[in-house]
């Protein structure tokens, strides 16, 4: 069951990686264009600044999920090494519960932000601001999916060797 779930998440990871590459290219191009316009024409584009900012927001929210999958968030692993195995397992479960709580708060607050942004348009690009704010619950949902995989794979099954999902696929 977990293998099937992980294979589905591998496909999601591949899609997210392509999206992050595209978003990074958009962000870089918009910033480069803005710099060139200001340097050569002494005037920039309003939409370029927004495109870079919005791309960075989406990029951040999507890569939160990838960092969760690869277990690359900040942590103090050395504490687990000095604890007895049972206490280490209890601490890991507690940390996962905190992660699930954080993801839940992020998801709820993100949905509320979308509601407050309804009807608002970005000044330069004239796109709905809700398109930007939807990145928060999307990123939280991706984090949730990968945290569930990690929780069942590491804590419940006790696969200590699989704690670090390498940067693969």
N, C-alpha and C. Protein backbone atom coordinates (compact mmCIF):
# COMPACT_ATOMS: atom_id res chain seq x y z
N UNK A 1 0.82 -1.20 0.00
CA UNK A 1 0.00 0.00 0.00
C UNK A 1 0.87 1.27 0.00
N UNK A 2 1.87 1.27 0.89
CA UNK A 2 2.75 2.44 0.97
C UNK A 2 3.56 2.61 -0.31
N UNK A 3 3.95 1.49 -0.92
CA UNK A 3 4.71 1.57 -2.18
C UNK A 3 3.88 2.20 -3.29
N UNK A 4 2.60 1.85 -3.38
CA UNK A 4 1.72 2.44 -4.38
C UNK A 4 1.57 3.94 -4.13
N UNK A 5 1.39 4.30 -2.87
CA UNK A 5 1.27 5.71 -2.50
C UNK A 5 2.55 6.46 -2.85
N UNK A 6 3.70 5.86 -2.56
CA UNK A 6 4.98 6.49 -2.86
C UNK A 6 5.20 6.66 -4.36
N UNK A 7 4.77 5.68 -5.14
CA UNK A 7 4.90 5.79 -6.60
C UNK A 7 4.03 6.92 -7.14
N UNK A 8 2.83 7.10 -6.56
CA UNK A 8 1.98 8.21 -6.96
C UNK A 8 2.65 9.54 -6.60
N UNK A 9 3.27 9.58 -5.43
CA UNK A 9 3.95 10.80 -5.01
C UNK A 9 5.22 11.05 -5.82
N UNK A 10 5.83 10.00 -6.35
CA UNK A 10 6.97 10.18 -7.26
C UNK A 10 6.53 10.93 -8.52
N UNK A 11 5.35 10.58 -9.03
CA UNK A 11 4.82 11.27 -10.21
C UNK A 11 4.49 12.72 -9.89
N UNK A 12 3.90 12.94 -8.71
CA UNK A 12 3.62 14.31 -8.28
C UNK A 12 4.92 15.10 -8.15
N UNK A 13 5.94 14.48 -7.60
CA UNK A 13 7.23 15.13 -7.45
C UNK A 13 7.80 15.54 -8.81
N UNK A 14 7.67 14.68 -9.80
CA UNK A 14 8.17 15.02 -11.14
C UNK A 14 7.45 16.23 -11.71
N UNK A 15 6.13 16.30 -11.51
CA UNK A 15 5.35 17.45 -11.98
C UNK A 15 5.76 18.71 -11.24
N UNK A 16 5.93 18.60 -9.93
CA UNK A 16 6.32 19.77 -9.13
C UNK A 16 7.70 20.27 -9.55
N UNK A 17 8.61 19.36 -9.82
CA UNK A 17 9.95 19.78 -10.24
C UNK A 17 9.92 20.53 -11.56
N UNK A 18 9.10 20.08 -12.51
CA UNK A 18 8.97 20.80 -13.77
C UNK A 18 8.37 22.18 -13.52
N UNK A 19 7.33 22.24 -12.69
CA UNK A 19 6.70 23.53 -12.37
C UNK A 19 7.69 24.49 -11.71
N UNK A 20 8.51 23.98 -10.80
CA UNK A 20 9.47 24.87 -10.13
C UNK A 20 10.53 25.37 -11.09
N UNK A 21 10.93 24.53 -12.04
CA UNK A 21 11.90 24.97 -13.04
C UNK A 21 11.30 26.08 -13.90
N UNK A 22 10.06 25.89 -14.34
CA UNK A 22 9.39 26.91 -15.15
C UNK A 22 9.22 28.20 -14.36
N UNK A 23 8.80 28.08 -13.10
CA UNK A 23 8.62 29.28 -12.26
C UNK A 23 9.95 30.00 -12.04
N UNK A 24 11.02 29.26 -11.85
CA UNK A 24 12.32 29.89 -11.67
C UNK A 24 12.75 30.63 -12.93
N UNK A 25 12.51 30.04 -14.09
CA UNK A 25 12.85 30.70 -15.35
C UNK A 25 12.03 31.97 -15.53
N UNK A 26 10.74 31.92 -15.20
CA UNK A 26 9.89 33.12 -15.28
C UNK A 26 10.42 34.19 -14.34
N UNK A 27 10.73 33.80 -13.11
CA UNK A 27 11.21 34.77 -12.13
C UNK A 27 12.53 35.40 -12.59
N UNK A 28 13.46 34.57 -13.01
CA UNK A 28 14.76 35.06 -13.47
C UNK A 28 14.59 35.99 -14.68
N UNK A 29 13.79 35.57 -15.64
CA UNK A 29 13.59 36.37 -16.86
C UNK A 29 12.94 37.72 -16.54
N UNK A 30 11.95 37.71 -15.67
CA UNK A 30 11.28 38.96 -15.31
C UNK A 30 12.24 39.92 -14.61
N UNK A 31 13.04 39.39 -13.70
CA UNK A 31 14.01 40.25 -13.01
C UNK A 31 15.06 40.77 -13.98
N UNK A 32 15.57 39.91 -14.86
CA UNK A 32 16.56 40.32 -15.85
C UNK A 32 15.99 41.39 -16.78
N UNK A 33 14.77 41.19 -17.25
CA UNK A 33 14.11 42.16 -18.11
C UNK A 33 13.92 43.50 -17.39
N UNK A 34 13.54 43.43 -16.14
CA UNK A 34 13.34 44.65 -15.36
C UNK A 34 14.66 45.41 -15.19
N UNK A 35 15.72 44.69 -14.91
CA UNK A 35 17.03 45.33 -14.75
C UNK A 35 17.46 45.99 -16.06
N UNK A 36 17.31 45.27 -17.16
CA UNK A 36 17.69 45.83 -18.47
C UNK A 36 16.84 47.05 -18.82
N UNK A 37 15.55 46.99 -18.57
CA UNK A 37 14.66 48.11 -18.89
C UNK A 37 15.04 49.34 -18.07
N UNK A 38 15.34 49.15 -16.81
CA UNK A 38 15.72 50.30 -15.97
C UNK A 38 17.10 50.84 -16.34
N UNK A 39 18.00 49.96 -16.73
CA UNK A 39 19.35 50.40 -17.07
C UNK A 39 19.38 51.14 -18.40
N UNK A 40 18.65 50.63 -19.39
CA UNK A 40 18.72 51.20 -20.73
C UNK A 40 17.66 52.26 -21.02
N UNK A 41 16.50 52.13 -20.39
CA UNK A 41 15.40 53.05 -20.69
C UNK A 41 14.99 53.89 -19.49
N UNK A 42 15.64 53.71 -18.36
CA UNK A 42 15.35 54.43 -17.11
C UNK A 42 13.90 54.27 -16.66
N UNK A 43 13.27 53.24 -17.12
CA UNK A 43 11.89 52.97 -16.72
C UNK A 43 11.66 51.47 -16.79
N UNK A 44 11.04 50.92 -15.75
CA UNK A 44 10.79 49.49 -15.71
C UNK A 44 9.35 49.14 -16.05
N UNK A 45 9.07 47.88 -16.01
CA UNK A 45 7.72 47.37 -16.27
C UNK A 45 7.08 47.01 -14.94
N UNK A 46 5.85 47.46 -14.74
CA UNK A 46 5.14 47.14 -13.50
C UNK A 46 4.87 45.64 -13.42
N UNK A 47 4.50 45.04 -14.52
CA UNK A 47 4.13 43.63 -14.52
C UNK A 47 5.33 42.72 -14.25
N UNK A 48 6.55 43.15 -14.61
CA UNK A 48 7.73 42.31 -14.43
C UNK A 48 8.02 42.10 -12.94
N UNK A 49 7.87 43.15 -12.17
CA UNK A 49 8.09 43.03 -10.73
C UNK A 49 7.07 42.08 -10.11
N UNK A 50 5.82 42.21 -10.53
CA UNK A 50 4.78 41.32 -10.01
C UNK A 50 4.99 39.88 -10.46
N UNK A 51 5.40 39.69 -11.70
CA UNK A 51 5.64 38.34 -12.21
C UNK A 51 6.74 37.66 -11.40
N UNK A 52 7.79 38.39 -11.10
CA UNK A 52 8.88 37.83 -10.30
C UNK A 52 8.41 37.51 -8.88
N UNK A 53 7.66 38.43 -8.29
CA UNK A 53 7.18 38.23 -6.93
C UNK A 53 6.22 37.05 -6.84
N UNK A 54 5.27 36.98 -7.76
CA UNK A 54 4.28 35.91 -7.74
C UNK A 54 4.93 34.56 -8.06
N UNK A 55 5.90 34.55 -8.95
CA UNK A 55 6.62 33.31 -9.25
C UNK A 55 7.39 32.83 -8.02
N UNK A 56 7.98 33.76 -7.29
CA UNK A 56 8.72 33.39 -6.10
C UNK A 56 7.79 32.82 -5.03
N UNK A 57 6.61 33.39 -4.89
CA UNK A 57 5.65 32.88 -3.90
C UNK A 57 5.26 31.44 -4.24
N UNK A 58 4.88 31.20 -5.50
CA UNK A 58 4.51 29.85 -5.92
C UNK A 58 5.69 28.91 -5.80
N UNK A 59 6.88 29.37 -6.17
CA UNK A 59 8.09 28.56 -6.09
C UNK A 59 8.35 28.13 -4.64
N UNK A 60 8.20 29.06 -3.72
CA UNK A 60 8.41 28.76 -2.30
C UNK A 60 7.41 27.73 -1.80
N UNK A 61 6.14 27.91 -2.12
CA UNK A 61 5.12 26.99 -1.62
C UNK A 61 5.27 25.60 -2.21
N UNK A 62 5.65 25.50 -3.48
CA UNK A 62 5.83 24.19 -4.08
C UNK A 62 7.08 23.49 -3.55
N UNK A 63 8.14 24.24 -3.33
CA UNK A 63 9.37 23.61 -2.85
C UNK A 63 9.29 23.23 -1.37
N UNK A 64 8.33 23.79 -0.63
CA UNK A 64 8.12 23.32 0.74
C UNK A 64 7.75 21.84 0.73
N UNK A 65 6.93 21.45 -0.23
CA UNK A 65 6.55 20.05 -0.35
C UNK A 65 7.74 19.17 -0.70
N UNK A 66 8.58 19.64 -1.62
CA UNK A 66 9.76 18.85 -2.00
C UNK A 66 10.72 18.72 -0.82
N UNK A 67 10.89 19.79 -0.06
CA UNK A 67 11.77 19.73 1.11
C UNK A 67 11.21 18.74 2.14
N UNK A 68 9.90 18.68 2.24
CA UNK A 68 9.27 17.72 3.14
C UNK A 68 9.54 16.30 2.65
N UNK A 69 9.41 16.08 1.37
CA UNK A 69 9.63 14.74 0.81
C UNK A 69 11.06 14.29 1.03
N UNK A 70 12.00 15.19 0.86
CA UNK A 70 13.41 14.85 0.99
C UNK A 70 13.90 14.97 2.43
N UNK A 71 12.99 15.34 3.33
CA UNK A 71 13.32 15.48 4.75
C UNK A 71 14.46 16.48 4.95
N UNK A 72 14.35 17.62 4.28
CA UNK A 72 15.41 18.62 4.31
C UNK A 72 15.09 19.84 5.16
N UNK A 73 13.99 19.81 5.90
CA UNK A 73 13.71 20.92 6.80
C UNK A 73 14.67 20.85 7.99
N UNK A 74 14.84 21.96 8.64
CA UNK A 74 15.76 22.05 9.76
C UNK A 74 15.33 21.08 10.86
N UNK A 75 16.29 20.33 11.37
CA UNK A 75 16.00 19.40 12.45
C UNK A 75 17.29 19.13 13.23
N UNK A 76 17.12 18.62 14.43
CA UNK A 76 18.26 18.28 15.29
C UNK A 76 18.32 16.76 15.42
N UNK A 77 18.91 16.10 14.44
CA UNK A 77 18.98 14.64 14.41
C UNK A 77 19.82 14.05 15.53
N UNK A 78 20.81 14.79 15.97
CA UNK A 78 21.71 14.23 16.98
C UNK A 78 20.97 13.87 18.27
N UNK A 79 19.85 14.54 18.55
CA UNK A 79 19.07 14.21 19.75
C UNK A 79 18.49 12.82 19.66
N UNK A 80 18.04 12.42 18.46
CA UNK A 80 17.49 11.08 18.29
C UNK A 80 18.57 10.02 18.53
N UNK A 81 19.80 10.33 18.18
CA UNK A 81 20.89 9.37 18.32
C UNK A 81 21.24 9.09 19.78
N UNK A 82 21.07 10.08 20.66
CA UNK A 82 21.45 9.87 22.06
C UNK A 82 20.29 9.38 22.92
N UNK A 83 19.08 9.34 22.36
CA UNK A 83 17.92 8.87 23.11
C UNK A 83 17.78 7.35 22.99
N UNK A 84 17.15 6.75 23.99
CA UNK A 84 16.79 5.33 23.85
C UNK A 84 15.79 5.19 22.69
N UNK A 85 15.76 4.05 22.03
CA UNK A 85 14.89 3.87 20.85
C UNK A 85 13.42 4.19 21.09
N UNK A 86 12.88 3.79 22.22
CA UNK A 86 11.46 4.05 22.49
C UNK A 86 11.19 5.54 22.64
N UNK A 87 12.05 6.24 23.36
CA UNK A 87 11.88 7.68 23.55
C UNK A 87 12.07 8.42 22.22
N UNK A 88 13.01 7.95 21.42
CA UNK A 88 13.23 8.54 20.09
C UNK A 88 11.99 8.40 19.22
N UNK A 89 11.38 7.23 19.25
CA UNK A 89 10.16 6.98 18.47
C UNK A 89 9.01 7.87 18.95
N UNK A 90 8.87 8.03 20.26
CA UNK A 90 7.82 8.88 20.83
C UNK A 90 8.04 10.34 20.42
N UNK A 91 9.28 10.78 20.46
CA UNK A 91 9.60 12.16 20.05
C UNK A 91 9.29 12.38 18.57
N UNK A 92 9.63 11.39 17.74
CA UNK A 92 9.34 11.50 16.31
C UNK A 92 7.84 11.61 16.06
N UNK A 93 7.07 10.81 16.77
CA UNK A 93 5.61 10.87 16.61
C UNK A 93 5.09 12.24 17.05
N UNK A 94 5.62 12.76 18.16
CA UNK A 94 5.21 14.09 18.62
C UNK A 94 5.56 15.16 17.60
N UNK A 95 6.74 15.07 17.01
CA UNK A 95 7.15 16.04 15.98
C UNK A 95 6.23 15.95 14.77
N UNK A 96 5.86 14.73 14.38
CA UNK A 96 4.94 14.58 13.26
C UNK A 96 3.58 15.19 13.59
N UNK A 97 3.12 15.02 14.81
CA UNK A 97 1.84 15.63 15.20
C UNK A 97 1.92 17.16 15.12
N UNK A 98 3.05 17.72 15.52
CA UNK A 98 3.26 19.16 15.39
C UNK A 98 3.26 19.58 13.92
N UNK A 99 3.90 18.77 13.07
CA UNK A 99 3.90 19.07 11.64
C UNK A 99 2.49 19.06 11.08
N UNK A 100 1.71 18.05 11.43
CA UNK A 100 0.33 17.98 10.94
C UNK A 100 -0.48 19.18 11.43
N UNK A 101 -0.25 19.61 12.67
CA UNK A 101 -0.94 20.79 13.20
C UNK A 101 -0.56 22.03 12.39
N UNK A 102 0.74 22.21 12.15
CA UNK A 102 1.21 23.36 11.37
C UNK A 102 0.62 23.36 9.97
N UNK A 103 0.61 22.20 9.33
CA UNK A 103 0.06 22.09 7.97
C UNK A 103 -1.43 22.41 7.98
N UNK A 104 -2.14 21.95 9.02
CA UNK A 104 -3.57 22.26 9.14
C UNK A 104 -3.81 23.76 9.27
N UNK A 105 -3.01 24.42 10.10
CA UNK A 105 -3.14 25.87 10.27
C UNK A 105 -2.84 26.57 8.95
N UNK A 106 -1.79 26.15 8.27
CA UNK A 106 -1.41 26.73 6.98
C UNK A 106 -2.54 26.56 5.97
N UNK A 107 -3.14 25.41 5.95
CA UNK A 107 -4.24 25.13 5.02
C UNK A 107 -5.46 26.00 5.32
N UNK A 108 -5.84 26.06 6.58
CA UNK A 108 -7.02 26.85 6.96
C UNK A 108 -6.79 28.34 6.70
N UNK A 109 -5.64 28.84 7.12
CA UNK A 109 -5.35 30.26 6.91
C UNK A 109 -5.22 30.59 5.42
N UNK A 110 -4.64 29.68 4.66
CA UNK A 110 -4.53 29.90 3.21
C UNK A 110 -5.88 30.00 2.54
N UNK A 111 -6.80 29.14 2.94
CA UNK A 111 -8.16 29.20 2.37
C UNK A 111 -8.83 30.52 2.77
N UNK A 112 -8.60 30.98 3.99
CA UNK A 112 -9.17 32.26 4.41
C UNK A 112 -8.57 33.42 3.61
N UNK A 113 -7.29 33.37 3.31
CA UNK A 113 -6.65 34.41 2.50
C UNK A 113 -7.26 34.45 1.10
N UNK A 114 -7.55 33.29 0.55
CA UNK A 114 -8.18 33.25 -0.77
C UNK A 114 -9.52 33.98 -0.72
N UNK A 115 -10.28 33.74 0.36
CA UNK A 115 -11.57 34.40 0.51
C UNK A 115 -11.46 35.91 0.60
N UNK A 116 -10.43 36.39 1.28
CA UNK A 116 -10.27 37.85 1.40
C UNK A 116 -9.76 38.47 0.11
N UNK A 117 -9.09 37.66 -0.72
CA UNK A 117 -8.52 38.19 -1.96
C UNK A 117 -9.50 38.13 -3.14
N UNK A 118 -10.63 37.49 -2.94
CA UNK A 118 -11.60 37.36 -4.04
C UNK A 118 -11.99 38.75 -4.55
N UNK A 119 -11.96 38.90 -5.83
CA UNK A 119 -12.35 40.17 -6.44
C UNK A 119 -11.20 41.14 -6.62
N UNK A 120 -10.10 40.93 -5.91
CA UNK A 120 -8.96 41.82 -6.04
C UNK A 120 -8.09 41.43 -7.23
N UNK A 121 -7.54 42.45 -7.90
CA UNK A 121 -6.67 42.21 -9.05
C UNK A 121 -5.28 42.76 -8.75
N UNK A 122 -4.27 42.09 -9.28
CA UNK A 122 -2.90 42.60 -9.18
C UNK A 122 -2.81 43.86 -10.05
N UNK A 123 -2.15 44.87 -9.56
CA UNK A 123 -2.13 46.17 -10.23
C UNK A 123 -1.50 46.12 -11.62
N UNK A 124 -0.39 45.44 -11.74
CA UNK A 124 0.32 45.45 -13.02
C UNK A 124 -0.14 44.38 -14.00
N UNK A 125 -0.35 43.18 -13.50
CA UNK A 125 -0.67 42.06 -14.39
C UNK A 125 -2.17 41.87 -14.59
N UNK A 126 -2.96 42.50 -13.74
CA UNK A 126 -4.42 42.40 -13.82
C UNK A 126 -4.92 40.96 -13.74
N UNK A 127 -4.29 40.16 -12.88
CA UNK A 127 -4.77 38.81 -12.64
C UNK A 127 -5.37 38.77 -11.24
N UNK A 128 -6.31 37.88 -10.99
CA UNK A 128 -6.91 37.80 -9.65
C UNK A 128 -5.87 37.45 -8.59
N UNK A 129 -5.91 38.16 -7.49
CA UNK A 129 -4.98 37.90 -6.39
C UNK A 129 -5.24 36.53 -5.77
N UNK A 130 -6.44 36.02 -5.93
CA UNK A 130 -6.73 34.69 -5.39
C UNK A 130 -5.87 33.62 -6.06
N UNK A 131 -5.42 33.86 -7.30
CA UNK A 131 -4.53 32.91 -7.98
C UNK A 131 -3.19 32.83 -7.26
N UNK A 132 -2.80 33.92 -6.64
CA UNK A 132 -1.54 33.93 -5.90
C UNK A 132 -1.73 33.27 -4.54
N UNK A 133 -2.80 33.64 -3.85
CA UNK A 133 -3.03 33.11 -2.51
C UNK A 133 -3.38 31.64 -2.50
N UNK A 134 -3.84 31.10 -3.60
CA UNK A 134 -4.16 29.67 -3.65
C UNK A 134 -2.89 28.83 -3.51
N UNK A 135 -1.74 29.44 -3.70
CA UNK A 135 -0.47 28.71 -3.54
C UNK A 135 -0.29 28.23 -2.10
N UNK A 136 -0.85 28.94 -1.14
CA UNK A 136 -0.69 28.56 0.27
C UNK A 136 -1.37 27.22 0.57
N UNK A 137 -2.68 27.06 0.28
CA UNK A 137 -3.27 25.74 0.54
C UNK A 137 -2.73 24.65 -0.38
N UNK A 138 -2.34 24.99 -1.61
CA UNK A 138 -1.76 23.98 -2.50
C UNK A 138 -0.44 23.48 -1.90
N UNK A 139 0.40 24.39 -1.46
CA UNK A 139 1.67 23.99 -0.82
C UNK A 139 1.44 23.19 0.45
N UNK A 140 0.44 23.59 1.24
CA UNK A 140 0.12 22.85 2.47
C UNK A 140 -0.38 21.45 2.15
N UNK A 141 -1.19 21.32 1.12
CA UNK A 141 -1.70 20.00 0.73
C UNK A 141 -0.56 19.09 0.26
N UNK A 142 0.36 19.64 -0.50
CA UNK A 142 1.52 18.85 -0.95
C UNK A 142 2.37 18.44 0.24
N UNK A 143 2.59 19.36 1.17
CA UNK A 143 3.34 19.03 2.39
C UNK A 143 2.63 17.92 3.16
N UNK A 144 1.31 17.99 3.24
CA UNK A 144 0.54 16.97 3.95
C UNK A 144 0.75 15.59 3.32
N UNK A 145 0.64 15.52 1.99
CA UNK A 145 0.80 14.24 1.29
C UNK A 145 2.18 13.63 1.56
N UNK A 146 3.21 14.45 1.50
CA UNK A 146 4.56 13.94 1.72
C UNK A 146 4.83 13.64 3.20
N UNK A 147 4.21 14.39 4.09
CA UNK A 147 4.37 14.11 5.52
C UNK A 147 3.70 12.79 5.89
N UNK A 148 2.54 12.51 5.30
CA UNK A 148 1.87 11.23 5.53
C UNK A 148 2.77 10.07 5.09
N UNK A 149 3.37 10.22 3.90
CA UNK A 149 4.28 9.19 3.41
C UNK A 149 5.44 8.98 4.38
N UNK A 150 6.01 10.07 4.81
CA UNK A 150 7.16 9.99 5.71
C UNK A 150 6.74 9.40 7.06
N UNK A 151 5.60 9.80 7.54
CA UNK A 151 5.10 9.31 8.84
C UNK A 151 4.94 7.79 8.81
N UNK A 152 4.23 7.28 7.81
CA UNK A 152 4.01 5.84 7.74
C UNK A 152 5.28 5.08 7.40
N UNK A 153 6.13 5.65 6.58
CA UNK A 153 7.35 4.96 6.18
C UNK A 153 8.42 4.92 7.25
N UNK A 154 8.52 5.98 8.03
CA UNK A 154 9.61 6.07 9.00
C UNK A 154 9.17 5.72 10.40
N UNK A 155 8.12 6.35 10.88
CA UNK A 155 7.74 6.20 12.27
C UNK A 155 7.01 4.88 12.52
N UNK A 156 5.98 4.62 11.75
CA UNK A 156 5.19 3.43 12.03
C UNK A 156 5.86 2.14 11.57
N UNK A 157 6.51 2.17 10.41
CA UNK A 157 7.20 0.97 9.93
C UNK A 157 8.61 0.86 10.51
N UNK A 158 9.14 1.98 10.99
CA UNK A 158 10.47 1.96 11.58
C UNK A 158 11.60 1.82 10.59
N UNK A 159 11.42 2.34 9.38
CA UNK A 159 12.47 2.28 8.36
C UNK A 159 13.49 3.38 8.61
N UNK A 160 14.39 3.15 9.52
CA UNK A 160 15.37 4.17 9.88
C UNK A 160 16.27 4.53 8.72
N UNK A 161 16.54 3.59 7.85
CA UNK A 161 17.42 3.86 6.71
C UNK A 161 16.77 4.72 5.65
N UNK A 162 15.46 4.88 5.70
CA UNK A 162 14.76 5.65 4.67
C UNK A 162 14.38 7.05 5.14
N UNK A 163 14.94 7.48 6.27
CA UNK A 163 14.57 8.78 6.78
C UNK A 163 14.93 9.90 5.83
N UNK A 164 16.04 9.77 5.14
CA UNK A 164 16.46 10.80 4.20
C UNK A 164 16.08 10.36 2.78
N UNK A 165 15.01 10.89 2.26
CA UNK A 165 14.63 10.60 0.88
C UNK A 165 15.58 11.41 0.01
N UNK A 166 16.38 10.73 -0.76
CA UNK A 166 17.41 11.41 -1.54
C UNK A 166 16.78 12.19 -2.69
N UNK A 167 17.56 13.05 -3.27
CA UNK A 167 17.13 13.93 -4.34
C UNK A 167 17.10 13.13 -5.63
N UNK A 168 16.13 12.27 -5.75
CA UNK A 168 16.07 11.38 -6.91
C UNK A 168 14.89 11.69 -7.80
N UNK A 169 14.84 11.04 -8.91
CA UNK A 169 13.81 11.14 -9.95
C UNK A 169 13.61 12.48 -10.46
